[in-house]
Amino acid sequence: MAVVIGTSGWQYRDWRGRFYPQRLPQRLWLEHHAQHFATVESNAAFYRLPARETFAAWRERTPPDYRWAVKASRFLTHVRRLREPEEPVARLVQHAEGLGERLDVVLLQLPPTLKADPGLLRDCLACFPPGVRVAVEPRHDTWWTDEVRDLLERYGAALCWADRAERPVTPLWRTTGWGYLRLHTGAEGWGYPGAVLEEWTQRLAAGYADDEDVFVYLNNDPGGAAVVDAVALAGAVRRAGRTPTRVPTAEQATGAAWAAA
């Protein structure tokens, strides 16, 4: 199992002086992120879909092994609520294809008020072209049915495993040959205790083989907690005998490395 570890976004001002050196211009933050991580989840695309040219520019600014997940626009998931998905899916894919082969996954995060409607989800998944991998993050308990699980398996879509307050909030279904996990927030403050990250590592190791990728994105960005937790998670993955992608050192995650320079 290769655990592909990244953060949900990279443009956070309170990371300056922590993960980002104090004097590093914001225009170089993406390059700095790509130097220390092998992936990022473009969370900003949810709020405003970047132009294809923007995605292409991001591709040019990052190394060949840097992988992208793109969170689908809220117009598709929260405004349309998956209805009439043809045009918004086509527009999303057309823009995100500016990343070329670096586009790895599209994340569909559903509204917490959207109850299960397998027909809507089926019609939406059917709009994605072959070769575009999709992870689905439902957030209403009515989605946890055999019918939904079968639907995800049929379309090769991953159920997004998710954690809030240090507890799984989704079933730990394996619905395709790769996995996707989002870690949102610890129970006290934003950071996760090491024991919780160890537990998630064991769940991933039990669910996926050595040659299957699992994407893990930390969404607890305030104060740089996501970066610090990424370092701890990579350590847990190594102790489990599995392989994480690159992460910063502990000193780079907290800013101690830049302060000492």
Protein backbone atom coordinates (compact mmCIF):
# COMPACT_ATOMS: atom_id res chain seq x y z
CA MET A 1 0.00 0.00 0.00
CA ALA A 2 1.45 3.36 -1.06
CA VAL A 3 -0.08 6.07 1.12
CA VAL A 4 -0.17 9.29 -0.89
CA ILE A 5 -0.22 12.00 1.79
CA GLY A 6 -1.16 15.61 1.14
CA THR A 7 -3.11 18.58 2.43
CA SER A 8 -6.48 19.92 1.38
CA GLY A 9 -5.26 23.15 -0.20
CA TRP A 10 -1.99 25.04 0.18
CA GLN A 11 -2.88 28.76 0.21
CA TYR A 12 -3.26 29.43 3.93
CA ARG A 13 -1.89 32.68 5.31
CA ASP A 14 -1.38 31.31 8.80
CA TRP A 15 1.08 28.77 7.40
CA ARG A 16 3.51 31.65 6.84
CA GLY A 17 6.24 31.45 9.46
CA ARG A 18 5.35 27.80 10.02
CA PHE A 19 5.42 25.58 6.94
CA TYR A 20 6.21 28.52 4.66
CA PRO A 21 9.31 30.54 5.52
CA GLN A 22 8.44 34.06 6.63
CA ARG A 23 10.13 35.68 3.64
CA LEU A 24 8.94 33.22 0.99
CA PRO A 25 6.66 35.12 -1.46
CA GLN A 26 3.13 33.76 -1.67
CA ARG A 27 3.56 33.30 -5.43
CA LEU A 28 6.08 30.52 -4.64
CA TRP A 29 4.01 28.66 -2.06
CA LEU A 30 2.83 26.03 -4.56
CA GLU A 31 6.41 25.23 -5.52
CA HIS A 32 7.35 24.94 -1.85
CA HIS A 33 4.39 22.64 -1.20
CA ALA A 34 5.32 20.44 -4.16
CA GLN A 35 8.90 20.20 -2.92
CA HIS A 36 7.74 18.74 0.39
CA PHE A 37 4.57 16.84 -0.63
CA ALA A 38 3.71 14.59 -3.57
CA THR A 39 0.03 15.60 -3.81
CA VAL A 40 -2.53 18.26 -2.99
CA GLU A 41 -6.31 18.41 -2.98
CA SER A 42 -7.49 21.57 -4.72
CA ASN A 43 -10.16 22.58 -2.26
CA ALA A 44 -10.52 26.06 -3.77
CA ALA A 45 -12.07 24.57 -6.91
CA PHE A 46 -15.18 23.87 -4.83
CA TYR A 47 -15.77 27.61 -4.33
CA ARG A 48 -14.69 28.86 -7.73
CA LEU A 49 -13.65 26.59 -10.57
CA PRO A 50 -10.28 27.76 -11.92
CA ALA A 51 -9.82 28.28 -15.64
CA ARG A 52 -8.20 25.52 -17.65
CA GLU A 53 -5.22 27.86 -18.12
CA THR A 54 -4.83 28.12 -14.34
CA PHE A 55 -4.75 24.36 -13.96
CA ALA A 56 -2.22 24.16 -16.80
CA ALA A 57 -0.04 26.78 -15.10
CA TRP A 58 -0.15 24.78 -11.85
CA ARG A 59 0.97 21.74 -13.80
CA GLU A 60 3.94 23.61 -15.23
CA ARG A 61 4.98 24.88 -11.80
CA THR A 62 5.11 21.47 -10.13
CA PRO A 63 7.30 18.38 -10.64
CA PRO A 64 6.23 15.41 -12.78
CA ASP A 65 5.42 13.22 -9.76
CA TYR A 66 3.11 15.77 -8.10
CA ARG A 67 -0.46 14.47 -8.15
CA TRP A 68 -3.69 16.45 -7.95
CA ALA A 69 -7.11 15.79 -6.54
CA VAL A 70 -9.76 18.35 -7.47
CA LYS A 71 -12.84 18.96 -5.36
CA ALA A 72 -15.86 19.33 -7.64
CA SER A 73 -17.55 22.71 -7.86
CA ARG A 74 -20.32 23.39 -5.36
CA PHE A 75 -22.48 24.37 -8.34
CA LEU A 76 -22.67 20.66 -9.17
CA THR A 77 -22.92 19.27 -5.65
CA HIS A 78 -24.60 21.97 -3.56
CA VAL A 79 -26.54 24.18 -6.00
CA ARG A 80 -27.68 21.58 -8.52
CA ARG A 81 -27.45 18.85 -5.84
CA LEU A 82 -26.38 16.40 -8.58
CA ARG A 83 -29.39 17.22 -10.77
CA GLU A 84 -28.77 17.80 -14.50
CA PRO A 85 -25.07 16.97 -14.09
CA GLU A 86 -24.03 16.81 -17.74
CA GLU A 87 -22.92 20.42 -18.26
CA PRO A 88 -21.23 21.04 -14.86
CA VAL A 89 -19.36 17.72 -15.02
CA ALA A 90 -18.21 18.41 -18.58
CA ARG A 91 -17.05 21.90 -17.59
CA LEU A 92 -15.25 20.61 -14.50
CA VAL A 93 -13.42 17.93 -16.47
CA GLN A 94 -12.58 20.28 -19.34
CA HIS A 95 -11.00 22.76 -16.94
CA ALA A 96 -9.23 20.22 -14.74
CA GLU A 97 -7.73 18.49 -17.78
CA GLY A 98 -5.33 21.41 -17.88
CA LEU A 99 -3.44 19.34 -15.31
CA GLY A 100 -2.88 16.65 -17.94
CA GLU A 101 -1.76 13.31 -16.55
CA ARG A 102 -1.29 14.90 -13.10
CA LEU A 103 -5.06 14.90 -12.52
CA ASP A 104 -5.57 11.88 -10.32
CA VAL A 105 -8.99 12.12 -8.62
CA VAL A 106 -12.14 14.24 -8.64
CA LEU A 107 -13.83 14.49 -5.24
CA LEU A 108 -17.61 14.78 -5.02
CA GLN A 109 -18.40 16.04 -1.53
CA LEU A 110 -22.17 15.91 -1.09
CA PRO A 111 -24.14 18.37 1.07
CA PRO A 112 -24.90 17.12 4.59
CA THR A 113 -28.60 17.72 3.90
CA LEU A 114 -28.67 15.64 0.71
CA LYS A 115 -30.37 12.35 1.52
CA ALA A 116 -29.60 9.22 -0.43
CA ASP A 117 -30.71 9.25 -4.04
CA PRO A 118 -28.86 6.49 -5.91
CA GLY A 119 -30.42 7.56 -9.21
CA LEU A 120 -28.96 11.06 -8.96
CA LEU A 121 -25.54 9.72 -8.05
CA ARG A 122 -25.66 7.15 -10.86
CA ASP A 123 -26.50 9.80 -13.46
CA CYS A 124 -23.68 12.01 -12.18
CA LEU A 125 -21.04 9.27 -12.16
CA ALA A 126 -22.08 8.25 -15.66
CA CYS A 127 -21.12 11.72 -16.92
CA PHE A 128 -17.44 11.33 -16.06
CA PRO A 129 -15.33 10.08 -18.96
CA PRO A 130 -13.36 6.84 -18.68
CA GLY A 131 -10.02 7.38 -16.99
CA VAL A 132 -11.24 10.04 -14.55
CA ARG A 133 -11.24 8.58 -11.07
CA VAL A 134 -13.98 9.79 -8.73
CA ALA A 135 -14.23 9.68 -4.95
CA VAL A 136 -17.60 10.32 -3.33
CA GLU A 137 -18.03 11.79 0.16
CA PRO A 138 -21.69 11.47 1.22
CA ARG A 139 -22.57 13.21 4.49
CA HIS A 140 -26.03 11.94 5.33
CA ASP A 141 -26.55 8.58 7.04
CA THR A 142 -29.20 7.47 4.53
CA TRP A 143 -26.43 6.77 2.00
CA TRP A 144 -25.11 3.74 3.88
CA THR A 145 -26.99 1.04 1.98
CA ASP A 146 -26.04 -1.97 -0.09
CA GLU A 147 -27.55 -0.28 -3.15
CA VAL A 148 -25.19 2.69 -2.82
CA ARG A 149 -22.21 0.46 -2.20
CA ASP A 150 -23.01 -1.61 -5.28
CA LEU A 151 -23.38 1.58 -7.33
CA LEU A 152 -19.94 2.85 -6.33
CA GLU A 153 -18.42 -0.53 -7.13
CA ARG A 154 -20.12 -0.62 -10.53
CA TYR A 155 -18.67 2.75 -11.53
CA GLY A 156 -15.24 2.16 -9.97
CA ALA A 157 -15.74 5.13 -7.63
CA ALA A 158 -14.16 5.19 -4.19
CA LEU A 159 -16.19 5.84 -1.08
CA CYS A 160 -14.33 8.66 0.63
CA TRP A 161 -13.56 7.55 4.16
CA ALA A 162 -13.84 10.53 6.52
CA ASP A 163 -13.03 11.39 10.10
CA ARG A 164 -14.41 14.09 12.36
CA ALA A 165 -13.51 14.55 16.02
CA GLU A 166 -11.28 11.47 15.79
CA ARG A 167 -14.07 9.08 14.76
CA PRO A 168 -14.99 7.56 11.40
CA VAL A 169 -18.17 9.13 10.04
CA THR A 170 -18.50 6.78 7.06
CA PRO A 171 -18.55 3.02 6.68
CA LEU A 172 -15.12 1.62 5.86
CA TRP A 173 -16.26 0.19 2.54
CA ARG A 174 -13.70 -0.69 -0.09
CA THR A 175 -15.46 -0.03 -3.39
CA THR A 176 -12.58 0.03 -5.89
CA GLY A 177 -8.86 -0.73 -6.19
CA TRP A 178 -7.72 2.52 -4.58
CA GLY A 179 -8.73 4.47 -1.51
CA TYR A 180 -9.40 8.03 -0.39
CA LEU A 181 -9.42 9.37 3.17
CA ARG A 182 -10.09 12.89 4.44
CA LEU A 183 -9.12 13.85 7.98
CA HIS A 184 -11.08 16.90 9.09
CA THR A 185 -10.42 17.76 12.73
CA GLY A 186 -9.31 16.34 16.04
CA ALA A 187 -11.63 16.18 19.04
CA GLU A 188 -9.83 18.92 20.97
CA GLY A 189 -8.31 21.66 18.83
CA TRP A 190 -7.40 21.05 15.23
CA GLY A 191 -4.56 18.55 15.54
CA TYR A 192 -4.86 14.77 15.79
CA PRO A 193 -3.31 12.72 18.60
CA GLY A 194 -0.71 10.28 17.36
CA ALA A 195 -2.78 7.33 18.55
CA VAL A 196 -5.66 8.30 16.24
CA LEU A 197 -3.33 8.54 13.23
CA GLU A 198 -1.96 5.10 14.15
CA GLU A 199 -5.54 3.75 14.18
CA TRP A 200 -6.23 5.18 10.73
CA THR A 201 -3.00 3.69 9.43
CA GLN A 202 -4.06 0.26 10.66
CA ARG A 203 -7.47 0.64 9.01
CA LEU A 204 -5.83 1.54 5.71
CA ALA A 205 -3.34 -1.32 5.95
CA ALA A 206 -6.16 -3.77 6.64
CA GLY A 207 -8.19 -2.54 3.69
CA TYR A 208 -5.60 -2.15 0.92
CA ALA A 209 -2.75 -4.25 -0.41
CA ASP A 210 0.86 -3.15 -0.78
CA ASP A 211 0.48 -2.31 -4.47
CA GLU A 212 -2.72 -0.23 -4.11
CA ASP A 213 -2.71 3.53 -3.63
CA VAL A 214 -4.59 5.28 -0.86
CA PHE A 215 -4.87 9.07 -0.97
CA VAL A 216 -4.99 10.82 2.41
CA TYR A 217 -5.71 14.54 2.64
CA LEU A 218 -5.59 16.48 5.89
CA ASN A 219 -8.19 19.24 5.97
CA ASN A 220 -7.37 20.59 9.45
CA ASP A 221 -5.48 23.57 8.06
CA PRO A 222 -5.74 26.19 10.89
CA GLY A 223 -2.38 26.89 12.48
CA GLY A 224 -0.63 24.45 10.16
CA ALA A 225 -2.06 21.41 11.99
CA ALA A 226 -2.49 19.57 8.68
CA VAL A 227 1.22 19.76 7.89
CA VAL A 228 2.28 18.66 11.37
CA ASP A 229 -0.17 15.75 11.28
CA ALA A 230 1.03 14.73 7.82
CA VAL A 231 4.50 14.20 9.29
CA ALA A 232 3.09 12.10 12.14
CA LEU A 233 0.92 10.07 9.76
CA ALA A 234 3.90 9.28 7.52
CA GLY A 235 5.75 7.98 10.57
CA ALA A 236 2.81 5.74 11.47
CA VAL A 237 2.70 4.41 7.91
CA ARG A 238 6.40 3.52 8.02
CA ARG A 239 5.99 1.76 11.36
CA ALA A 240 3.19 -0.30 9.78
CA GLY A 241 5.65 -1.48 7.12
CA ARG A 242 4.02 0.52 4.32
CA THR A 243 5.33 3.31 2.12
CA PRO A 244 4.28 6.97 2.43
CA THR A 245 5.01 9.61 -0.17
CA ARG A 246 7.26 12.51 0.80
CA VAL A 247 6.33 14.84 3.64
CA PRO A 248 8.30 17.63 5.34
CA THR A 249 10.52 16.99 8.32
CA ALA A 250 9.08 17.90 11.71
CA GLU A 251 11.27 21.01 11.71
CA GLN A 252 10.06 22.05 8.27
CA ALA A 253 6.42 21.51 9.27
CA THR A 254 6.61 23.83 12.27
CA GLY A 255 8.98 26.48 10.91
CA ALA A 256 11.84 25.53 13.22
CA ALA A 257 14.02 24.75 10.19
CA TRP A 258 13.57 28.23 8.73
CA ALA A 259 14.08 29.97 12.08
CA ALA A 260 17.41 28.23 12.49
CA ALA A 261 18.59 29.05 8.95
